Protein backbone atom coordinates (compact mmCIF):
# COMPACT_ATOMS: atom_id res chain seq x y z
CA MET A 1 -0.13 10.46 -0.83
CA GLU A 2 -2.14 7.87 1.07
CA GLU A 3 -4.97 8.95 3.35
CA GLY A 4 -3.12 8.37 6.63
CA SER A 5 -0.03 10.27 5.48
CA LEU A 6 -2.20 13.08 4.17
CA ALA A 7 -4.02 13.35 7.50
CA SER A 8 -0.67 13.54 9.33
CA LEU A 9 0.57 16.28 7.01
CA LEU A 10 -2.62 18.29 7.47
CA ALA A 11 -2.51 17.82 11.24
CA GLY A 12 0.87 19.54 11.17
CA LEU A 13 -0.85 22.47 9.47
CA GLY A 14 -3.51 22.72 12.16
CA ALA A 15 -6.25 20.73 10.41
CA ARG A 16 -8.58 18.32 12.18
CA PRO A 17 -8.55 14.54 11.44
CA PHE A 18 -11.67 14.53 9.25
CA HIS A 19 -10.17 17.23 7.03
CA GLY A 20 -7.78 14.59 5.69
CA ARG A 21 -10.69 12.54 4.32
CA GLN A 22 -12.14 15.66 2.69
CA VAL A 23 -8.88 16.67 1.02
CA TYR A 24 -8.27 13.09 -0.11
CA GLY A 25 -11.65 13.07 -1.85
CA TRP A 26 -11.02 16.42 -3.52
CA LEU A 27 -7.64 15.31 -4.84
CA TYR A 28 -8.37 11.81 -6.06
CA ALA A 29 -12.11 11.24 -6.45
CA ARG A 30 -12.96 14.68 -7.82
CA GLY A 31 -9.60 15.57 -9.32
CA ILE A 32 -9.70 19.12 -7.94
CA LEU A 33 -6.12 20.10 -7.12
CA ALA A 34 -6.49 23.81 -6.32
CA PRO A 35 -6.97 24.25 -2.53
CA ASP A 36 -9.07 27.39 -3.04
CA ARG A 37 -11.76 25.18 -4.64
CA TRP A 38 -12.08 22.82 -1.66
CA THR A 39 -15.25 24.54 -0.60
CA ASP A 40 -16.14 22.37 2.41
CA LEU A 41 -12.83 23.08 4.19
CA PRO A 42 -12.07 26.10 6.38
CA ALA A 43 -10.29 28.93 4.63
CA SER A 44 -7.43 28.61 7.12
CA VAL A 45 -6.79 24.98 6.07
CA ARG A 46 -6.96 25.81 2.37
CA SER A 47 -4.55 28.68 2.84
CA ALA A 48 -2.12 26.55 4.89
CA VAL A 49 -2.08 23.84 2.22
CA ALA A 50 -1.57 26.38 -0.56
CA ASP A 51 1.34 27.93 1.32
CA SER A 52 3.03 24.77 2.62
CA ALA A 53 2.40 21.90 0.23
CA ARG A 54 2.74 21.21 -3.48
CA VAL A 55 -0.12 19.61 -5.35
CA ASP A 56 1.29 18.79 -8.77
CA PRO A 57 0.49 15.71 -10.92
CA GLY A 58 2.98 16.72 -13.61
CA ARG A 59 1.92 17.92 -17.03
CA ILE A 60 1.30 16.44 -20.43
CA VAL A 61 4.01 17.63 -22.81
CA GLY A 62 3.32 15.36 -25.78
CA ARG A 63 0.75 13.06 -27.36
CA ALA A 64 1.12 10.54 -30.14
CA GLU A 65 -2.06 8.97 -31.50
CA ALA A 66 -2.37 5.74 -33.46
CA GLY A 67 -5.10 4.76 -35.88
CA ASP A 68 -6.51 2.18 -33.45
CA GLY A 69 -7.29 4.88 -30.88
CA THR A 70 -4.22 4.31 -28.73
CA VAL A 71 -2.68 7.50 -27.33
CA LYS A 72 0.84 7.63 -25.92
CA TYR A 73 1.44 10.49 -23.50
CA ARG A 74 4.72 12.09 -22.53
CA ILE A 75 4.41 13.45 -19.00
CA ALA A 76 6.87 15.88 -17.44
CA LEU A 77 7.28 15.23 -13.72
CA ALA A 78 7.37 18.04 -11.19
CA ASP A 79 10.60 16.67 -9.69
CA GLY A 80 12.28 16.33 -13.07
CA GLY A 81 12.29 13.85 -15.90
CA THR A 82 9.71 12.63 -18.39
CA VAL A 83 7.83 9.34 -18.45
CA GLU A 84 5.40 7.73 -20.85
CA ALA A 85 1.88 6.47 -20.19
CA VAL A 86 -0.59 4.99 -22.66
CA HIS A 87 -4.37 5.16 -23.07
CA MET A 88 -5.83 2.13 -24.91
CA VAL A 89 -9.37 1.29 -25.95
CA GLN A 90 -10.48 -2.15 -27.11
CA HIS A 91 -14.16 -3.00 -27.46
CA GLU A 92 -14.99 -0.02 -25.19
CA ARG A 93 -12.65 -1.39 -22.52
CA VAL A 94 -10.34 1.43 -21.44
CA THR A 95 -6.89 0.59 -20.08
CA LEU A 96 -4.21 2.96 -18.84
CA CYS A 97 -0.61 1.72 -18.94
CA LEU A 98 1.40 3.57 -16.29
CA SER A 99 5.12 3.95 -15.58
CA SER A 100 6.57 3.24 -12.15
CA GLN A 101 10.18 4.36 -12.61
CA LEU A 102 12.19 6.82 -14.63
CA GLY A 103 14.28 4.29 -16.54
CA CYS A 104 14.81 0.72 -15.35
CA ALA A 105 17.64 -1.22 -13.73
CA LEU A 106 16.85 -4.66 -15.18
CA ASP A 107 18.20 -4.19 -18.72
CA CYS A 108 15.99 -6.71 -20.51
CA ALA A 109 17.32 -7.17 -24.03
CA PHE A 110 13.98 -6.50 -25.75
CA CYS A 111 13.06 -3.39 -23.73
CA LEU A 112 14.06 0.09 -24.84
CA THR A 113 13.61 1.56 -21.35
CA GLY A 114 16.32 -0.75 -20.06
CA ARG A 115 18.84 1.13 -22.22
CA MET A 116 18.36 4.15 -19.90
CA GLY A 117 19.35 2.39 -16.72
CA LEU A 118 17.53 3.41 -13.55
CA VAL A 119 17.37 7.16 -13.01
CA ARG A 120 15.02 7.08 -10.02
CA HIS A 121 11.83 5.61 -8.58
CA LEU A 122 8.58 7.50 -9.06
CA SER A 123 6.66 8.56 -5.97
CA ALA A 124 3.13 7.31 -5.42
CA GLY A 125 1.92 10.80 -6.35
CA GLU A 126 3.84 10.76 -9.64
CA ILE A 127 2.36 7.38 -10.49
CA VAL A 128 -1.21 8.36 -9.62
CA GLY A 129 -0.64 11.70 -11.35
CA GLN A 130 -0.33 9.90 -14.70
CA ALA A 131 -3.77 8.35 -14.20
CA ALA A 132 -5.24 11.69 -13.10
CA LEU A 133 -3.87 13.55 -16.12
CA ILE A 134 -5.16 10.97 -18.60
CA ARG A 135 -8.50 10.70 -16.79
CA ASP A 136 -9.00 14.43 -17.20
CA ASP A 137 -7.67 14.55 -20.75
CA ARG A 138 -9.88 11.68 -21.96
CA GLY A 139 -12.99 12.55 -19.92
CA LEU A 140 -12.90 9.35 -17.87
CA ALA A 141 -14.24 10.84 -14.62
CA GLY A 142 -16.97 8.60 -13.27
CA ARG A 143 -16.19 5.84 -15.79
CA PRO A 144 -14.50 2.54 -14.89
CA PHE A 145 -11.13 1.86 -16.46
CA ASN A 146 -8.29 -0.59 -16.02
CA VAL A 147 -4.72 0.10 -14.98
CA VAL A 148 -1.67 -1.95 -15.88
CA PHE A 149 1.77 -1.22 -14.47
CA MET A 150 3.57 -2.16 -17.67
CA GLY A 151 5.08 1.16 -18.66
CA MET A 152 8.59 2.36 -17.90
CA GLY A 153 10.29 0.58 -15.02
CA GLU A 154 9.97 -2.62 -13.01
CA PRO A 155 6.95 -2.04 -10.71
CA LEU A 156 8.01 -4.43 -7.94
CA HIS A 157 11.45 -2.78 -7.78
CA ASN A 158 9.52 0.30 -6.61
CA TYR A 159 7.30 -1.81 -4.38
CA ASP A 160 6.22 0.62 -1.65
CA ASN A 161 5.29 3.45 -3.99
CA VAL A 162 3.50 1.19 -6.47
CA LEU A 163 1.44 -0.41 -3.70
CA ALA A 164 0.66 3.03 -2.26
CA ALA A 165 -0.53 4.12 -5.71
CA PHE A 166 -2.61 0.93 -5.97
CA ARG A 167 -4.32 1.73 -2.68
CA ILE A 168 -5.16 5.26 -3.87
CA LEU A 169 -6.49 3.95 -7.18
CA THR A 170 -8.72 1.39 -5.44
CA SER A 171 -9.83 3.44 -2.43
CA PRO A 172 -13.58 4.19 -2.45
CA ARG A 173 -12.62 7.77 -1.53
CA GLY A 174 -9.90 7.81 -4.20
CA PHE A 175 -10.31 6.70 -7.80
CA GLY A 176 -12.73 3.98 -6.71
CA LEU A 177 -11.41 1.25 -9.02
CA SER A 178 -11.95 -2.40 -8.25
CA ARG A 179 -8.69 -4.11 -7.31
CA ARG A 180 -9.46 -6.56 -10.11
CA ARG A 181 -8.98 -3.72 -12.58
CA VAL A 182 -5.34 -3.15 -11.57
CA THR A 183 -2.49 -5.42 -12.73
CA VAL A 184 1.17 -5.28 -11.78
CA SER A 185 3.65 -6.87 -14.16
CA THR A 186 7.04 -8.08 -12.99
CA ALA A 187 10.13 -9.43 -14.71
CA GLY A 188 10.47 -11.88 -11.82
CA LEU A 189 11.60 -10.27 -8.55
CA VAL A 190 10.99 -13.33 -6.38
CA PRO A 191 11.16 -11.67 -2.93
CA ALA A 192 8.69 -9.00 -4.05
CA ILE A 193 6.25 -11.64 -5.37
CA GLU A 194 6.49 -13.37 -1.99
CA ARG A 195 5.87 -10.05 -0.24
CA LEU A 196 2.90 -9.28 -2.50
CA ALA A 197 1.28 -12.56 -1.50
CA GLU A 198 1.21 -11.33 2.11
CA GLU A 199 -0.67 -8.13 1.32
CA PRO A 200 -4.25 -8.08 2.67
CA VAL A 201 -5.43 -6.51 -0.59
CA ARG A 202 -3.35 -6.79 -3.73
CA PRO A 203 -3.50 -6.09 -7.46
CA ARG A 204 -3.56 -8.80 -10.08
CA LEU A 205 -0.16 -10.28 -10.88
CA ALA A 206 1.42 -10.77 -14.30
CA VAL A 207 4.83 -12.43 -14.62
CA SER A 208 6.96 -11.74 -17.70
CA LEU A 209 8.49 -15.11 -18.59
CA ASN A 210 9.67 -14.90 -22.24
CA ALA A 211 11.88 -18.00 -22.28
CA THR A 212 11.72 -21.64 -21.22
CA THR A 213 15.33 -22.32 -20.20
CA ASP A 214 17.61 -20.51 -17.80
CA GLU A 215 20.22 -20.06 -20.50
CA ALA A 216 17.83 -18.32 -22.87
CA ARG A 217 16.07 -16.33 -20.18
CA SER A 218 19.32 -15.07 -18.67
CA ARG A 219 20.34 -13.74 -22.10
CA LEU A 220 17.05 -11.92 -22.51
CA MET A 221 16.46 -10.96 -18.86
CA PRO A 222 19.53 -10.64 -16.64
CA ILE A 223 17.35 -10.79 -13.50
CA ASN A 224 17.09 -14.53 -14.21
CA ARG A 225 20.71 -14.94 -13.09
CA ARG A 226 19.63 -13.96 -9.58
CA TYR A 227 16.18 -15.57 -9.61
CA PRO A 228 16.26 -18.48 -12.10
CA LEU A 229 13.19 -20.17 -13.48
CA ALA A 230 12.85 -22.79 -10.74
CA SER A 231 12.74 -20.18 -7.95
CA LEU A 232 10.46 -17.89 -9.96
CA LEU A 233 7.97 -20.66 -10.73
CA GLU A 234 7.97 -21.82 -7.10
CA ALA A 235 7.29 -18.24 -5.96
CA CYS A 236 4.33 -18.17 -8.35
CA ARG A 237 2.99 -21.47 -6.99
CA ALA A 238 3.34 -20.14 -3.45
CA PHE A 239 1.53 -16.94 -4.48
CA GLY A 240 -1.36 -19.05 -5.75
CA ARG A 241 -1.48 -21.21 -2.62
CA LYS A 242 -1.39 -18.18 -0.33
CA THR A 243 -3.87 -15.97 -2.16
CA GLY A 244 -6.14 -18.33 -4.07
CA GLN A 245 -5.73 -15.97 -7.03
CA ARG A 246 -4.99 -16.82 -10.61
CA TRP A 247 -2.25 -14.90 -12.36
CA THR A 248 -0.91 -14.39 -15.88
CA PHE A 249 2.35 -15.36 -17.52
CA GLU A 250 3.41 -13.00 -20.29
CA TYR A 251 5.47 -14.35 -23.15
CA VAL A 252 6.85 -11.84 -25.65
CA LEU A 253 7.21 -13.62 -28.98
CA LEU A 254 10.62 -12.93 -30.55
CA HIS A 255 10.98 -14.46 -34.00
CA GLY A 256 13.81 -16.96 -34.16
CA VAL A 257 14.61 -16.50 -30.47
CA ASN A 258 11.85 -18.07 -28.36
CA ASP A 259 9.13 -19.17 -30.80
CA ALA A 260 10.39 -22.57 -32.00
CA ASP A 261 8.27 -25.69 -31.57
CA GLU A 262 10.54 -26.96 -28.78
CA ASP A 263 10.13 -23.65 -26.92
CA ILE A 264 6.37 -23.99 -27.07
CA GLU A 265 6.45 -27.63 -25.95
CA ARG A 266 8.60 -26.68 -22.94
CA LEU A 267 6.35 -23.71 -22.15
CA ALA A 268 3.31 -25.97 -21.96
CA ARG A 269 5.20 -28.55 -19.91
CA ILE A 270 6.54 -26.17 -17.24
CA LEU A 271 3.33 -24.11 -16.87
CA ARG A 272 0.61 -26.75 -17.21
CA THR A 273 0.36 -27.28 -13.43
CA HIS A 274 0.00 -23.56 -12.65
CA PRO A 275 -3.47 -22.02 -12.16
CA ALA A 276 -2.54 -19.35 -14.67
CA LYS A 277 -3.01 -18.38 -18.28
CA VAL A 278 -0.47 -17.25 -20.87
CA ASN A 279 -0.65 -13.97 -22.76
CA LEU A 280 1.36 -14.23 -25.96
CA ILE A 281 2.64 -10.80 -26.98
CA PRO A 282 4.12 -10.43 -30.47
CA PHE A 283 7.08 -8.09 -30.11
CA ASN A 284 6.54 -4.45 -31.00
CA PRO A 285 9.52 -3.76 -33.33
CA VAL A 286 11.77 -0.76 -32.67
CA PRO A 287 13.79 -0.43 -35.91
CA GLY A 288 17.31 0.82 -35.41
CA TRP A 289 17.20 0.31 -31.66
CA LEU A 290 16.47 -3.33 -30.82
CA PRO A 291 17.48 -6.36 -32.93
CA PHE A 292 14.23 -8.31 -32.63
CA GLU A 293 11.18 -8.93 -34.80
CA PRO A 294 7.79 -10.49 -34.09
CA PRO A 295 6.89 -13.79 -35.73
CA PRO A 296 4.48 -13.69 -38.65
CA ARG A 297 0.88 -13.31 -37.56
CA GLN A 298 -0.03 -16.83 -38.62
CA ARG A 299 2.85 -18.26 -36.58
CA ALA A 300 1.56 -16.46 -33.46
CA VAL A 301 -1.87 -17.99 -34.04
CA GLU A 302 -0.28 -21.44 -34.50
CA ILE A 303 1.59 -21.06 -31.19
CA ARG A 304 -1.58 -20.08 -29.35
CA ASP A 305 -3.52 -22.98 -30.82
CA ARG A 306 -0.72 -25.42 -30.03
CA LEU A 307 -0.69 -24.31 -26.38
CA LEU A 308 -4.46 -24.71 -26.19
CA ARG A 309 -4.20 -28.24 -27.57
CA LEU A 310 -1.51 -28.98 -24.98
CA GLY A 311 -3.89 -27.93 -22.21
CA LEU A 312 -2.52 -24.46 -21.42
CA PRO A 313 -4.97 -21.52 -21.42
CA ALA A 314 -3.48 -19.03 -23.87
CA SER A 315 -4.46 -15.90 -25.75
CA ILE A 316 -2.72 -13.37 -27.97
CA ARG A 317 -2.40 -9.73 -26.94
CA TRP A 318 -2.00 -8.15 -30.36
CA SER A 319 0.16 -5.06 -30.45
CA ARG A 320 -1.61 -1.74 -30.37
CA GLY A 321 -0.41 1.80 -30.93
CA LEU A 322 2.30 0.92 -33.44
CA GLU A 323 2.18 4.31 -35.19
CA ALA A 324 2.51 6.02 -31.82
CA ARG A 325 5.48 3.85 -30.77
CA ALA A 326 3.36 2.83 -27.79
């Protein structure tokens, strides 16, 4: 819950305006959820909160650890359902990958979550709760970490709750993260990208592209039928003009589907004028579930080097957490 909404709720319980700031700090900065431990608040306020409100981030019901240090968490939500979140470490850089929905409505062909369909949006509290649970489990209190909204769901389909969670994560009285440490990934919801550009403070933007023609992209990502490449790329250009920010295009490498030389030539041609870089992501195989494979490692390196020669900033985000199915 954002600070203003929390203050309004507490006012209804007889608290004074400054009590909202205190409770906000206890919940998010200190991670103390039990009202009886909020020692600088009157006993009457603590009792009213305990009796009238629920403070519940969910609970960790499963962990799967990979040899590279990646940990995939299964988190049971207080309002029902289970989502996944991932803790990753690379060169001492800690990144949490959070879910924004239970399921997803977009049905991308290479995404297992899309098979579920959309069950429901997560609240801001359920989103932030994932970060709080992992922060406590991994001893991250007081340490900087990064957050990527690349877990279950399309973040910009749940726009209001994701942005509310972003504000809690970046509030100096909340988690205290720099906004530059938070990235929202989208499959290409053009109106939401346009709306994000108008925000006074916004997370970093990553756009999942994955194909270089409308025909191919519509097969892989049905959202392209509503917002084809031309409109998506123009929305990205407008985002850059409005915000002055760089962004990232993500390109999941699917062997024999989107990794041919002509695909790479087109990718460089259509993105060269954007103030953005490309993250190449070799597909994480899901045997028995999804009919895709990543290209051989050397082919991924060749694609990156070819893009660099063609003038497009590119890097490879090698898969992590394979043993944990993360």
